[in-house]
Amino acid sequence: MPLLMGCSMAQSQRMTQSPTLRQAVGDTGGDIPLYSLHRIRRLMAKQPPAVNEQLRTWLTQSLIAANLEYKEDTENDWSCLTSNNLVGAFETTNATISDAIDGIKDLPNEHSSLRGKLLEKLHTGREANVLIMKQWFSDNFDSLRYDMSSKIPYPIVLQLRRNLGKWIAGASNPFDQDIEEMILDVAKQEGLHTDNPEEAWKRMGGKLARRKEE
């Protein structure tokens, strides 16, 4: 019995030391911590996207809320954002801008007939400004990355960057791909042939660290 207990404890320790990819990262590629909230805020103050201050404020508020959501979901006290967090923050910002436009009601009576055309023009401007802010993340991608001490394989980082470009170009959410499927796809692109996503992650230079909620 002591021997069996010892074997069981050793196996448990190995499981604790070697979390699965889902335990370490999440269910999708978009769950990988990628952006530093601190770096975003510093660079936005120093080199902001070319939109007005109110739009930048709304975006910053959405990013802060997304980071709080990340902390609640993972119980990791990290000032970071995942790609999914970024998508959610922009959805919130876009909705905030849209509500502000639709809430315009104080037009003089003589211009009330023009309200529809004005709102259409403002919504066109909203779409253009949201695109500018999205593009800012692509242009400054390397400067905004969260320091994960090389736990994320660089080929995965590059894939997430490519997916960022697809999202900016109009894809709904290219980060929603199953994490294991994504890792194996990237590994294949790198010439690594394995059916084990954890092995692929490590062979590409990554490390697996158990998240706190596990």
C-alpha atoms as a PDB file:
ATOM      1  CA  MET A   1       0.000   0.000   0.000  1.00  0.00           C
ATOM      2  CA  PRO A   2       2.747   2.551   0.816  1.00  0.00           C
ATOM      3  CA  LEU A   3       4.349   1.748  -2.523  1.00  0.00           C
ATOM      4  CA  LEU A   4       1.059   2.284  -4.354  1.00  0.00           C
ATOM      5  CA  MET A   5       0.527   5.527  -2.462  1.00  0.00           C
ATOM      6  CA  GLY A   6       4.034   6.622  -3.367  1.00  0.00           C
ATOM      7  CA  CYS A   7       3.433   5.869  -7.025  1.00  0.00           C
ATOM      8  CA  SER A   8       0.143   7.745  -6.888  1.00  0.00           C
ATOM      9  CA  MET A   9       1.794  10.786  -5.283  1.00  0.00           C
ATOM     10  CA  ALA A  10       4.602  10.736  -7.824  1.00  0.00           C
ATOM     11  CA  GLN A  11       2.089  10.575 -10.662  1.00  0.00           C
ATOM     12  CA  SER A  12       0.143  13.463  -9.112  1.00  0.00           C
ATOM     13  CA  GLN A  13       3.315  15.531  -8.849  1.00  0.00           C
ATOM     14  CA  ARG A  14       4.120  14.871 -12.499  1.00  0.00           C
ATOM     15  CA  MET A  15       0.610  15.968 -13.480  1.00  0.00           C
ATOM     16  CA  THR A  16       1.011  19.127 -11.400  1.00  0.00           C
ATOM     17  CA  GLN A  17       4.387  19.877 -12.944  1.00  0.00           C
ATOM     18  CA  SER A  18       3.205  19.170 -16.505  1.00  0.00           C
ATOM     19  CA  PRO A  19      -0.156  20.839 -17.132  1.00  0.00           C
ATOM     20  CA  THR A  20      -1.943  20.281 -20.389  1.00  0.00           C
ATOM     21  CA  LEU A  21      -2.041  23.000 -23.001  1.00  0.00           C
ATOM     22  CA  ARG A  22      -5.643  23.844 -22.100  1.00  0.00           C
ATOM     23  CA  GLN A  23      -4.776  24.067 -18.407  1.00  0.00           C
ATOM     24  CA  ALA A  24      -1.826  26.353 -19.132  1.00  0.00           C
ATOM     25  CA  VAL A  25      -3.404  28.564 -21.792  1.00  0.00           C
ATOM     26  CA  GLY A  26      -7.115  28.052 -22.395  1.00  0.00           C
ATOM     27  CA  ASP A  27      -9.438  26.550 -24.958  1.00  0.00           C
ATOM     28  CA  THR A  28      -8.649  28.748 -27.972  1.00  0.00           C
ATOM     29  CA  GLY A  29      -5.701  30.497 -29.545  1.00  0.00           C
ATOM     30  CA  GLY A  30      -7.296  33.772 -28.517  1.00  0.00           C
ATOM     31  CA  ASP A  31      -6.874  32.852 -24.831  1.00  0.00           C
ATOM     32  CA  ILE A  32      -3.086  33.238 -24.961  1.00  0.00           C
ATOM     33  CA  PRO A  33      -1.873  36.315 -22.992  1.00  0.00           C
ATOM     34  CA  LEU A  34      -0.387  38.613 -25.611  1.00  0.00           C
ATOM     35  CA  TYR A  35      -0.758  42.345 -24.928  1.00  0.00           C
ATOM     36  CA  SER A  36       0.520  44.372 -21.974  1.00  0.00           C
ATOM     37  CA  LEU A  37      -2.052  46.815 -20.616  1.00  0.00           C
ATOM     38  CA  HIS A  38       0.733  48.988 -19.175  1.00  0.00           C
ATOM     39  CA  ARG A  39       2.539  49.147 -22.516  1.00  0.00           C
ATOM     40  CA  ILE A  40      -0.694  49.958 -24.328  1.00  0.00           C
ATOM     41  CA  ARG A  41      -1.444  52.852 -21.993  1.00  0.00           C
ATOM     42  CA  ARG A  42       2.119  54.213 -22.096  1.00  0.00           C
ATOM     43  CA  LEU A  43       2.357  54.101 -25.872  1.00  0.00           C
ATOM     44  CA  MET A  44      -1.147  55.496 -26.300  1.00  0.00           C
ATOM     45  CA  ALA A  45      -0.115  58.503 -24.193  1.00  0.00           C
ATOM     46  CA  LYS A  46       3.143  58.944 -26.102  1.00  0.00           C
ATOM     47  CA  GLN A  47       2.112  57.949 -29.619  1.00  0.00           C
ATOM     48  CA  PRO A  48      -1.694  57.768 -29.750  1.00  0.00           C
ATOM     49  CA  PRO A  49      -3.800  56.558 -32.670  1.00  0.00           C
ATOM     50  CA  ALA A  50      -4.966  59.399 -34.891  1.00  0.00           C
ATOM     51  CA  VAL A  51      -8.470  59.736 -33.444  1.00  0.00           C
ATOM     52  CA  ASN A  52      -9.933  62.265 -31.017  1.00  0.00           C
ATOM     53  CA  GLU A  53      -9.320  62.083 -27.292  1.00  0.00           C
ATOM     54  CA  GLN A  54     -12.843  60.945 -26.413  1.00  0.00           C
ATOM     55  CA  LEU A  55     -12.539  57.876 -28.628  1.00  0.00           C
ATOM     56  CA  ARG A  56      -9.153  57.033 -27.102  1.00  0.00           C
ATOM     57  CA  THR A  57     -10.654  57.399 -23.637  1.00  0.00           C
ATOM     58  CA  TRP A  58     -13.519  55.038 -24.463  1.00  0.00           C
ATOM     59  CA  LEU A  59     -11.065  52.520 -25.900  1.00  0.00           C
ATOM     60  CA  THR A  60      -8.806  52.731 -22.851  1.00  0.00           C
ATOM     61  CA  GLN A  61     -11.763  52.196 -20.525  1.00  0.00           C
ATOM     62  CA  SER A  62     -12.797  49.140 -22.531  1.00  0.00           C
ATOM     63  CA  LEU A  63      -9.260  47.732 -22.402  1.00  0.00           C
ATOM     64  CA  ILE A  64      -9.085  48.203 -18.625  1.00  0.00           C
ATOM     65  CA  ALA A  65     -12.443  46.428 -18.245  1.00  0.00           C
ATOM     66  CA  ALA A  66     -11.181  43.602 -20.481  1.00  0.00           C
ATOM     67  CA  ASN A  67      -8.114  43.185 -18.275  1.00  0.00           C
ATOM     68  CA  LEU A  68     -10.333  42.963 -15.188  1.00  0.00           C
ATOM     69  CA  GLU A  69     -12.348  40.295 -16.981  1.00  0.00           C
ATOM     70  CA  TYR A  70      -9.134  38.403 -17.722  1.00  0.00           C
ATOM     71  CA  LYS A  71      -8.123  38.544 -14.058  1.00  0.00           C
ATOM     72  CA  GLU A  72     -11.533  37.312 -12.919  1.00  0.00           C
ATOM     73  CA  ASP A  73     -11.597  34.479 -15.450  1.00  0.00           C
ATOM     74  CA  THR A  74      -8.071  33.212 -14.763  1.00  0.00           C
ATOM     75  CA  GLU A  75      -7.374  34.436 -11.207  1.00  0.00           C
ATOM     76  CA  ASN A  76      -4.019  35.609 -12.554  1.00  0.00           C
ATOM     77  CA  ASP A  77      -3.201  39.129 -11.390  1.00  0.00           C
ATOM     78  CA  TRP A  78      -1.544  39.988 -14.708  1.00  0.00           C
ATOM     79  CA  SER A  79      -1.952  43.338 -16.451  1.00  0.00           C
ATOM     80  CA  CYS A  80      -2.381  41.692 -19.815  1.00  0.00           C
ATOM     81  CA  LEU A  81      -4.925  41.127 -22.548  1.00  0.00           C
ATOM     82  CA  THR A  82      -5.563  38.151 -24.775  1.00  0.00           C
ATOM     83  CA  SER A  83      -6.579  38.449 -28.402  1.00  0.00           C
ATOM     84  CA  ASN A  84     -10.131  37.578 -27.366  1.00  0.00           C
ATOM     85  CA  ASN A  85      -9.981  40.358 -24.763  1.00  0.00           C
ATOM     86  CA  LEU A  86      -8.908  42.778 -27.485  1.00  0.00           C
ATOM     87  CA  VAL A  87     -11.814  41.762 -29.731  1.00  0.00           C
ATOM     88  CA  GLY A  88     -14.229  42.192 -26.823  1.00  0.00           C
ATOM     89  CA  ALA A  89     -12.796  45.604 -25.907  1.00  0.00           C
ATOM     90  CA  PHE A  90     -13.284  46.848 -29.454  1.00  0.00           C
ATOM     91  CA  GLU A  91     -16.830  45.496 -29.563  1.00  0.00           C
ATOM     92  CA  THR A  92     -17.564  47.456 -26.374  1.00  0.00           C
ATOM     93  CA  THR A  93     -15.897  50.612 -27.710  1.00  0.00           C
ATOM     94  CA  ASN A  94     -17.732  50.363 -31.013  1.00  0.00           C
ATOM     95  CA  ALA A  95     -21.049  49.978 -29.194  1.00  0.00           C
ATOM     96  CA  THR A  96     -20.282  52.961 -26.945  1.00  0.00           C
ATOM     97  CA  ILE A  97     -19.533  55.195 -29.936  1.00  0.00           C
ATOM     98  CA  SER A  98     -22.615  53.950 -31.761  1.00  0.00           C
ATOM     99  CA  ASP A  99     -24.860  54.666 -28.763  1.00  0.00           C
ATOM    100  CA  ALA A 100     -23.416  58.177 -28.458  1.00  0.00           C
ATOM    101  CA  ILE A 101     -24.178  58.867 -32.125  1.00  0.00           C
ATOM    102  CA  ASP A 102     -27.690  57.453 -31.976  1.00  0.00           C
ATOM    103  CA  GLY A 103     -28.323  59.505 -28.842  1.00  0.00           C
ATOM    104  CA  ILE A 104     -27.976  62.806 -30.681  1.00  0.00           C
ATOM    105  CA  LYS A 105     -31.362  64.481 -30.328  1.00  0.00           C
ATOM    106  CA  ASP A 106     -30.669  68.183 -29.948  1.00  0.00           C
ATOM    107  CA  LEU A 107     -30.765  69.171 -33.611  1.00  0.00           C
ATOM    108  CA  PRO A 108     -32.644  72.407 -34.376  1.00  0.00           C
ATOM    109  CA  ASN A 109     -36.129  71.740 -35.766  1.00  0.00           C
ATOM    110  CA  GLU A 110     -35.206  73.193 -39.136  1.00  0.00           C
ATOM    111  CA  HIS A 111     -32.528  70.508 -39.504  1.00  0.00           C
ATOM    112  CA  SER A 112     -34.556  67.552 -38.215  1.00  0.00           C
ATOM    113  CA  SER A 113     -35.064  66.250 -41.739  1.00  0.00           C
ATOM    114  CA  LEU A 114     -31.303  65.941 -42.095  1.00  0.00           C
ATOM    115  CA  ARG A 115     -30.914  63.786 -38.981  1.00  0.00           C
ATOM    116  CA  GLY A 116     -30.820  60.505 -40.916  1.00  0.00           C
ATOM    117  CA  LYS A 117     -28.078  61.717 -43.267  1.00  0.00           C
ATOM    118  CA  LEU A 118     -26.097  63.140 -40.334  1.00  0.00           C
ATOM    119  CA  LEU A 119     -26.253  59.872 -38.412  1.00  0.00           C
ATOM    120  CA  GLU A 120     -25.219  57.941 -41.513  1.00  0.00           C
ATOM    121  CA  LYS A 121     -22.198  60.207 -41.939  1.00  0.00           C
ATOM    122  CA  LEU A 122     -21.269  59.896 -38.264  1.00  0.00           C
ATOM    123  CA  HIS A 123     -21.525  56.099 -38.350  1.00  0.00           C
ATOM    124  CA  THR A 124     -19.286  56.048 -41.406  1.00  0.00           C
ATOM    125  CA  GLY A 125     -16.803  58.096 -39.386  1.00  0.00           C
ATOM    126  CA  ARG A 126     -17.182  55.677 -36.464  1.00  0.00           C
ATOM    127  CA  GLU A 127     -16.219  52.737 -38.652  1.00  0.00           C
ATOM    128  CA  ALA A 128     -13.210  54.615 -40.021  1.00  0.00           C
ATOM    129  CA  ASN A 129     -12.002  55.644 -36.565  1.00  0.00           C
ATOM    130  CA  VAL A 130     -12.423  52.157 -35.089  1.00  0.00           C
ATOM    131  CA  LEU A 131     -10.364  50.822 -38.004  1.00  0.00           C
ATOM    132  CA  ILE A 132      -7.633  53.386 -37.267  1.00  0.00           C
ATOM    133  CA  MET A 133      -7.500  52.238 -33.633  1.00  0.00           C
ATOM    134  CA  LYS A 134      -7.373  48.574 -34.655  1.00  0.00           C
ATOM    135  CA  GLN A 135      -4.581  49.292 -37.118  1.00  0.00           C
ATOM    136  CA  TRP A 136      -2.655  51.017 -34.318  1.00  0.00           C
ATOM    137  CA  PHE A 137      -2.407  47.659 -32.553  1.00  0.00           C
ATOM    138  CA  SER A 138      -1.040  46.025 -35.678  1.00  0.00           C
ATOM    139  CA  ASP A 139       1.456  48.826 -36.332  1.00  0.00           C
ATOM    140  CA  ASN A 140       2.742  48.668 -32.741  1.00  0.00           C
ATOM    141  CA  PHE A 141       2.378  44.924 -32.186  1.00  0.00           C
ATOM    142  CA  ASP A 142       5.940  44.250 -31.021  1.00  0.00           C
ATOM    143  CA  SER A 143       5.939  47.237 -28.650  1.00  0.00           C
ATOM    144  CA  LEU A 144       2.698  46.110 -26.976  1.00  0.00           C
ATOM    145  CA  ARG A 145       3.550  42.481 -26.271  1.00  0.00           C
ATOM    146  CA  TYR A 146       3.253  41.190 -22.720  1.00  0.00           C
ATOM    147  CA  ASP A 147       6.433  39.713 -21.219  1.00  0.00           C
ATOM    148  CA  MET A 148       5.775  35.996 -20.767  1.00  0.00           C
ATOM    149  CA  SER A 149       9.480  35.125 -20.351  1.00  0.00           C
ATOM    150  CA  SER A 150       9.496  33.176 -23.633  1.00  0.00           C
ATOM    151  CA  LYS A 151       6.705  30.839 -22.499  1.00  0.00           C
ATOM    152  CA  ILE A 152       4.853  31.457 -25.775  1.00  0.00           C
ATOM    153  CA  PRO A 153       6.571  29.973 -28.853  1.00  0.00           C
ATOM    154  CA  TYR A 154       7.501  32.721 -31.290  1.00  0.00           C
ATOM    155  CA  PRO A 155       5.794  30.954 -34.245  1.00  0.00           C
ATOM    156  CA  ILE A 156       2.565  31.146 -32.226  1.00  0.00           C
ATOM    157  CA  VAL A 157       3.096  34.866 -31.648  1.00  0.00           C
ATOM    158  CA  LEU A 158       3.545  35.329 -35.394  1.00  0.00           C
ATOM    159  CA  GLN A 159       0.349  33.364 -36.086  1.00  0.00           C
ATOM    160  CA  LEU A 160      -1.575  35.561 -33.656  1.00  0.00           C
ATOM    161  CA  ARG A 161      -0.163  38.590 -35.430  1.00  0.00           C
ATOM    162  CA  ARG A 162      -1.389  37.226 -38.766  1.00  0.00           C
ATOM    163  CA  ASN A 163      -4.793  36.601 -37.214  1.00  0.00           C
ATOM    164  CA  LEU A 164      -4.793  40.194 -35.970  1.00  0.00           C
ATOM    165  CA  GLY A 165      -4.399  41.317 -39.572  1.00  0.00           C
ATOM    166  CA  LYS A 166      -7.276  39.076 -40.659  1.00  0.00           C
ATOM    167  CA  TRP A 167      -9.475  40.499 -37.909  1.00  0.00           C
ATOM    168  CA  ILE A 168      -8.650  44.077 -38.902  1.00  0.00           C
ATOM    169  CA  ALA A 169      -9.474  43.154 -42.513  1.00  0.00           C
ATOM    170  CA  GLY A 170     -12.955  42.082 -41.431  1.00  0.00           C
ATOM    171  CA  ALA A 171     -12.815  38.483 -40.177  1.00  0.00           C
ATOM    172  CA  SER A 172     -15.278  38.047 -37.282  1.00  0.00           C
ATOM    173  CA  ASN A 173     -12.885  36.401 -34.825  1.00  0.00           C
ATOM    174  CA  PRO A 174      -9.985  34.348 -36.229  1.00  0.00           C
ATOM    175  CA  PHE A 175      -8.753  33.805 -32.653  1.00  0.00           C
ATOM    176  CA  ASP A 176     -11.594  31.422 -31.845  1.00  0.00           C
ATOM    177  CA  GLN A 177      -9.744  28.385 -33.250  1.00  0.00           C
ATOM    178  CA  ASP A 178      -9.328  25.440 -30.868  1.00  0.00           C
ATOM    179  CA  ILE A 179      -5.967  25.811 -29.102  1.00  0.00           C
ATOM    180  CA  GLU A 180      -4.733  22.295 -29.871  1.00  0.00           C
ATOM    181  CA  GLU A 181      -5.743  22.570 -33.527  1.00  0.00           C
ATOM    182  CA  MET A 182      -3.998  25.925 -33.800  1.00  0.00           C
ATOM    183  CA  ILE A 183      -0.768  24.660 -32.235  1.00  0.00           C
ATOM    184  CA  LEU A 184      -0.639  21.632 -34.526  1.00  0.00           C
ATOM    185  CA  ASP A 185      -1.343  23.791 -37.596  1.00  0.00           C
ATOM    186  CA  VAL A 186       1.490  26.167 -36.711  1.00  0.00           C
ATOM    187  CA  ALA A 187       3.820  23.270 -35.933  1.00  0.00           C
ATOM    188  CA  LYS A 188       3.096  21.790 -39.346  1.00  0.00           C
ATOM    189  CA  GLN A 189       3.930  25.137 -40.947  1.00  0.00           C
ATOM    190  CA  GLU A 190       7.231  25.001 -39.060  1.00  0.00           C
ATOM    191  CA  GLY A 191       7.974  21.536 -40.415  1.00  0.00           C
ATOM    192  CA  LEU A 192       7.301  19.739 -37.125  1.00  0.00           C
ATOM    193  CA  HIS A 193       5.309  16.539 -37.462  1.00  0.00           C
ATOM    194  CA  THR A 194       3.541  15.504 -34.279  1.00  0.00           C
ATOM    195  CA  ASP A 195      -0.001  14.795 -33.178  1.00  0.00           C
ATOM    196  CA  ASN A 196       0.697  15.958 -29.619  1.00  0.00           C
ATOM    197  CA  PRO A 197      -0.034  19.690 -29.104  1.00  0.00           C
ATOM    198  CA  GLU A 198       1.969  19.897 -25.845  1.00  0.00           C
ATOM    199  CA  GLU A 199       4.981  18.369 -27.569  1.00  0.00           C
ATOM    200  CA  ALA A 200       4.566  20.752 -30.503  1.00  0.00           C
ATOM    201  CA  TRP A 201       4.343  23.734 -28.118  1.00  0.00           C
ATOM    202  CA  LYS A 202       7.569  22.727 -26.378  1.00  0.00           C
ATOM    203  CA  ARG A 203       9.433  21.835 -29.586  1.00  0.00           C
ATOM    204  CA  MET A 204       8.655  25.326 -30.879  1.00  0.00           C
ATOM    205  CA  GLY A 205      10.319  26.752 -27.781  1.00  0.00           C
ATOM    206  CA  GLY A 206       7.373  27.305 -25.449  1.00  0.00           C
ATOM    207  CA  LYS A 207       6.841  26.416 -21.817  1.00  0.00           C
ATOM    208  CA  LEU A 208       3.695  25.321 -20.013  1.00  0.00           C
ATOM    209  CA  ALA A 209       2.921  27.006 -16.710  1.00  0.00           C
ATOM    210  CA  ARG A 210      -0.258  26.063 -14.881  1.00  0.00           C
ATOM    211  CA  ARG A 211      -2.750  28.905 -14.532  1.00  0.00           C
ATOM    212  CA  LYS A 212      -3.911  29.675 -10.989  1.00  0.00           C
ATOM    213  CA  GLU A 213      -7.487  28.547 -11.481  1.00  0.00           C
ATOM    214  CA  GLU A 214      -6.288  25.035 -12.219  1.00  0.00           C
END
